[in-house]
Structure formats: C-alpha cells, structure tokens
Amino acid sequence: MIRSLLLFAFGYIILEMILLISLGRAIGLLPTLLLVLGAGFVGAWLARREGLRSAMRMRSQMAAGAMPAAELTDGLLIGLAAVLLIIPGVLGDVIGIALLLPPARAFIRRSLAAKFDKAATFSRFTVDEGGRAMHTPRGDQIIDARVIETRVVEE
C-alpha cells in the first residue's frame, strides 16, 4: 500500500514537471507563472465560496434533522480541491478547479456512492407473519431461526 502510494506520488510529481516544462516552452515562462498563480487565486476564491455554500447546506440539513451526507462529501472534495490548488502545477490546478464545480462534484459523489455500495455488505432483518425473524443479506440464502432463551448476566 505504501509502495503504491509512493509510486503514485512520484509519478504525479514527474507528470506535473513535464506539464509545467511543456507549457513553459509553448507559451513562455511569464505566462506560465501567471497562469499557475492565477489559477491558484481563482481556485482559492472558488474554494471559499463553494465551501461556505456547502457549510450552509450542511447546517440547514442538520437543522432539519437529516444526515448531510452529500454536503459532507462536497466538503471533503472542496478541501481536496483547495489542497490541489495550493500545490503549484497544471494538472493539480485543472483537477482542483474541476472539483470546485458542482456538476463535477455530483458526478464524483455518485461514482463514490456506487463504488462503496458494491463494496459494502448490507443486510435486512425482517419478521414474518408467524413471528419468525428472517435475516436476508444480499445474494445469500435466508436462514430461519428463533431465539430460545435470552437473559442479561451482570458481572
């Protein structure tokens, strides 16, 4: 896990360097610096605006008694975008600004939910008309069981 993470970080840094050098050669040093710095400033402004919007939606969801799952995910994605925009680089700026756009965050949120839905094991516990409890995990078979004895033991 750590090895693959280090390989990813190393590859990302190399790719950022290649993109910065290529962009610098194509448009020049000063325009490249202005582009990277400008993206950082615009991204910081967008991150602040979207972060405040997400916090307000989270507050209203919690006041209504609902779990603000989408707003929490948005907050994490906005935080990731802010980090990517702080680190100088072309690829990080593009990804960071994309994460600040609500449609992109909604797409990522749905993709993450689908991925975790497949990975998570959920089950259902029901009671039929005869009073028998049935536990129905996804894709598994139903096993009928009844509780014979229950008691609390104090130590």
Protein backbone atom coordinates (compact mmCIF):
# COMPACT_ATOMS: atom_id res chain seq x y z
CA MET A 1 0.00 0.00 0.00
CA ILE A 2 2.72 2.46 0.98
CA ARG A 3 4.80 1.42 -2.01
CA SER A 4 1.95 2.06 -4.45
CA LEU A 5 1.21 5.39 -2.76
CA LEU A 6 4.84 6.45 -3.12
CA LEU A 7 4.86 5.32 -6.75
CA PHE A 8 1.70 7.34 -7.39
CA ALA A 9 3.18 10.46 -5.71
CA PHE A 10 6.42 10.10 -7.66
CA GLY A 11 4.55 9.65 -10.94
CA TYR A 12 2.31 12.64 -10.18
CA ILE A 13 5.31 14.88 -9.47
CA ILE A 14 7.05 13.78 -12.68
CA LEU A 15 3.88 14.37 -14.70
CA GLU A 16 3.44 17.85 -13.16
CA MET A 17 7.03 18.73 -14.01
CA ILE A 18 6.62 17.53 -17.61
CA LEU A 19 3.40 19.54 -17.99
CA LEU A 20 4.93 22.70 -16.49
CA ILE A 21 8.01 22.47 -18.70
CA SER A 22 5.91 21.77 -21.81
CA LEU A 23 3.56 24.66 -21.04
CA GLY A 24 6.53 26.94 -20.34
CA ARG A 25 8.09 26.07 -23.69
CA ALA A 26 4.79 26.55 -25.51
CA ILE A 27 3.68 29.91 -24.06
CA GLY A 28 6.76 31.17 -22.21
CA LEU A 29 7.89 31.43 -18.61
CA LEU A 30 5.98 34.54 -17.53
CA PRO A 31 2.59 33.46 -18.97
CA THR A 32 3.04 30.02 -17.38
CA LEU A 33 3.77 31.56 -13.97
CA LEU A 34 0.80 33.93 -14.33
CA LEU A 35 -1.45 31.04 -15.34
CA VAL A 36 -0.43 28.87 -12.38
CA LEU A 37 -0.66 31.75 -9.89
CA GLY A 38 -3.93 32.98 -11.39
CA ALA A 39 -5.44 29.51 -11.17
CA GLY A 40 -4.39 29.39 -7.53
CA PHE A 41 -6.07 32.71 -6.72
CA VAL A 42 -9.24 31.94 -8.67
CA GLY A 43 -9.30 28.48 -7.13
CA ALA A 44 -8.91 29.87 -3.62
CA TRP A 45 -11.81 32.25 -4.22
CA LEU A 46 -13.97 29.43 -5.64
CA ALA A 47 -13.00 27.08 -2.80
CA ARG A 48 -14.02 29.67 -0.21
CA ARG A 49 -17.33 30.36 -1.96
CA GLU A 50 -18.21 26.70 -2.51
CA GLY A 51 -17.04 25.76 0.97
CA LEU A 52 -19.33 28.35 2.54
CA ARG A 53 -22.23 27.18 0.38
CA SER A 54 -21.62 23.59 1.39
CA ALA A 55 -21.41 24.55 5.07
CA MET A 56 -24.70 26.44 4.86
CA ARG A 57 -26.42 23.49 3.17
CA MET A 58 -24.94 21.17 5.81
CA ARG A 59 -26.25 23.41 8.58
CA SER A 60 -29.76 23.52 7.09
CA GLN A 61 -29.79 19.72 6.61
CA MET A 62 -28.75 19.17 10.22
CA ALA A 63 -31.36 21.68 11.44
CA ALA A 64 -33.98 19.70 9.54
CA GLY A 65 -32.81 16.51 11.28
CA ALA A 66 -31.38 14.91 8.14
CA MET A 67 -27.95 13.42 7.69
CA PRO A 68 -25.95 15.78 5.43
CA ALA A 69 -24.08 13.02 3.59
CA ALA A 70 -23.88 14.83 0.23
CA GLU A 71 -22.77 18.04 1.92
CA LEU A 72 -20.06 16.22 3.89
CA THR A 73 -18.77 14.62 0.70
CA ASP A 74 -18.84 18.02 -1.01
CA GLY A 75 -16.86 19.49 1.88
CA LEU A 76 -14.19 16.81 1.55
CA LEU A 77 -13.97 17.28 -2.21
CA ILE A 78 -13.73 21.06 -1.80
CA GLY A 79 -10.94 20.58 0.75
CA LEU A 80 -9.11 18.29 -1.67
CA ALA A 81 -9.56 20.90 -4.41
CA ALA A 82 -8.08 23.59 -2.16
CA VAL A 83 -5.02 21.44 -1.45
CA LEU A 84 -4.55 20.71 -5.16
CA LEU A 85 -4.79 24.42 -5.96
CA ILE A 86 -2.25 25.39 -3.30
CA ILE A 87 0.34 22.99 -4.72
CA PRO A 88 1.76 24.56 -7.88
CA GLY A 89 1.15 22.58 -11.02
CA VAL A 90 -1.01 22.43 -14.12
CA LEU A 91 -2.68 19.06 -13.56
CA GLY A 92 -3.45 19.81 -9.90
CA ASP A 93 -4.99 23.15 -10.87
CA VAL A 94 -7.17 21.57 -13.54
CA ILE A 95 -8.37 18.82 -11.20
CA GLY A 96 -8.81 21.29 -8.32
CA ILE A 97 -10.91 23.71 -10.35
CA ALA A 98 -12.97 20.80 -11.72
CA LEU A 99 -13.65 19.63 -8.15
CA LEU A 100 -14.97 23.09 -7.31
CA LEU A 101 -17.68 22.87 -9.97
CA PRO A 102 -20.94 21.45 -8.53
CA PRO A 103 -21.70 19.15 -11.51
CA ALA A 104 -18.26 17.53 -11.27
CA ARG A 105 -18.67 17.04 -7.50
CA ALA A 106 -22.12 15.49 -8.04
CA PHE A 107 -20.67 13.08 -10.61
CA ILE A 108 -17.81 12.09 -8.28
CA ARG A 109 -20.23 11.74 -5.34
CA ARG A 110 -22.45 9.37 -7.35
CA SER A 111 -19.41 7.39 -8.54
CA LEU A 112 -18.09 7.05 -4.99
CA ALA A 113 -21.52 6.04 -3.69
CA ALA A 114 -21.81 3.34 -6.37
CA LYS A 115 -18.32 2.04 -5.59
CA PHE A 116 -18.92 1.90 -1.84
CA ASP A 117 -22.36 0.41 -2.34
CA LYS A 118 -20.78 -2.52 -4.18
CA ALA A 119 -18.05 -2.91 -1.57
CA ALA A 120 -20.27 -2.65 1.49
CA THR A 121 -22.31 -5.55 2.74
CA PHE A 122 -25.75 -4.51 3.82
CA SER A 123 -28.39 -6.81 5.14
CA ARG A 124 -32.01 -6.67 6.19
CA PHE A 125 -33.67 -8.11 9.26
CA THR A 126 -37.41 -8.75 8.99
CA VAL A 127 -40.09 -10.60 10.90
CA ASP A 128 -42.72 -12.57 9.00
CA GLU A 129 -46.38 -13.01 9.91
CA GLY A 130 -45.68 -16.05 12.09
CA GLY A 131 -43.31 -14.07 14.28
CA ARG A 132 -40.22 -15.70 12.78
CA ALA A 133 -37.26 -13.43 12.17
CA MET A 134 -35.51 -13.55 8.83
CA HIS A 135 -32.10 -12.11 8.05
CA THR A 136 -31.71 -11.51 4.32
CA PRO A 137 -28.21 -10.48 3.27
CA ARG A 138 -27.67 -9.52 -0.34
CA GLY A 139 -27.25 -12.56 -2.54
CA ASP A 140 -27.22 -15.04 0.35
CA GLN A 141 -29.87 -17.51 1.35
CA ILE A 142 -32.43 -16.97 4.11
CA ILE A 143 -31.94 -18.96 7.29
CA ASP A 144 -34.93 -19.38 9.60
CA ALA A 145 -34.04 -19.19 13.28
CA ARG A 146 -35.75 -18.49 16.55
CA VAL A 147 -34.41 -17.28 19.86
CA ILE A 148 -34.75 -19.94 22.55
CA GLU A 149 -33.54 -18.06 25.60
CA THR A 150 -32.25 -14.61 26.38
CA ARG A 151 -31.01 -13.20 29.66
CA VAL A 152 -28.79 -10.46 30.97
CA VAL A 153 -25.83 -11.53 33.07
CA GLU A 154 -24.32 -8.90 35.34
CA GLU A 155 -20.70 -9.30 36.30
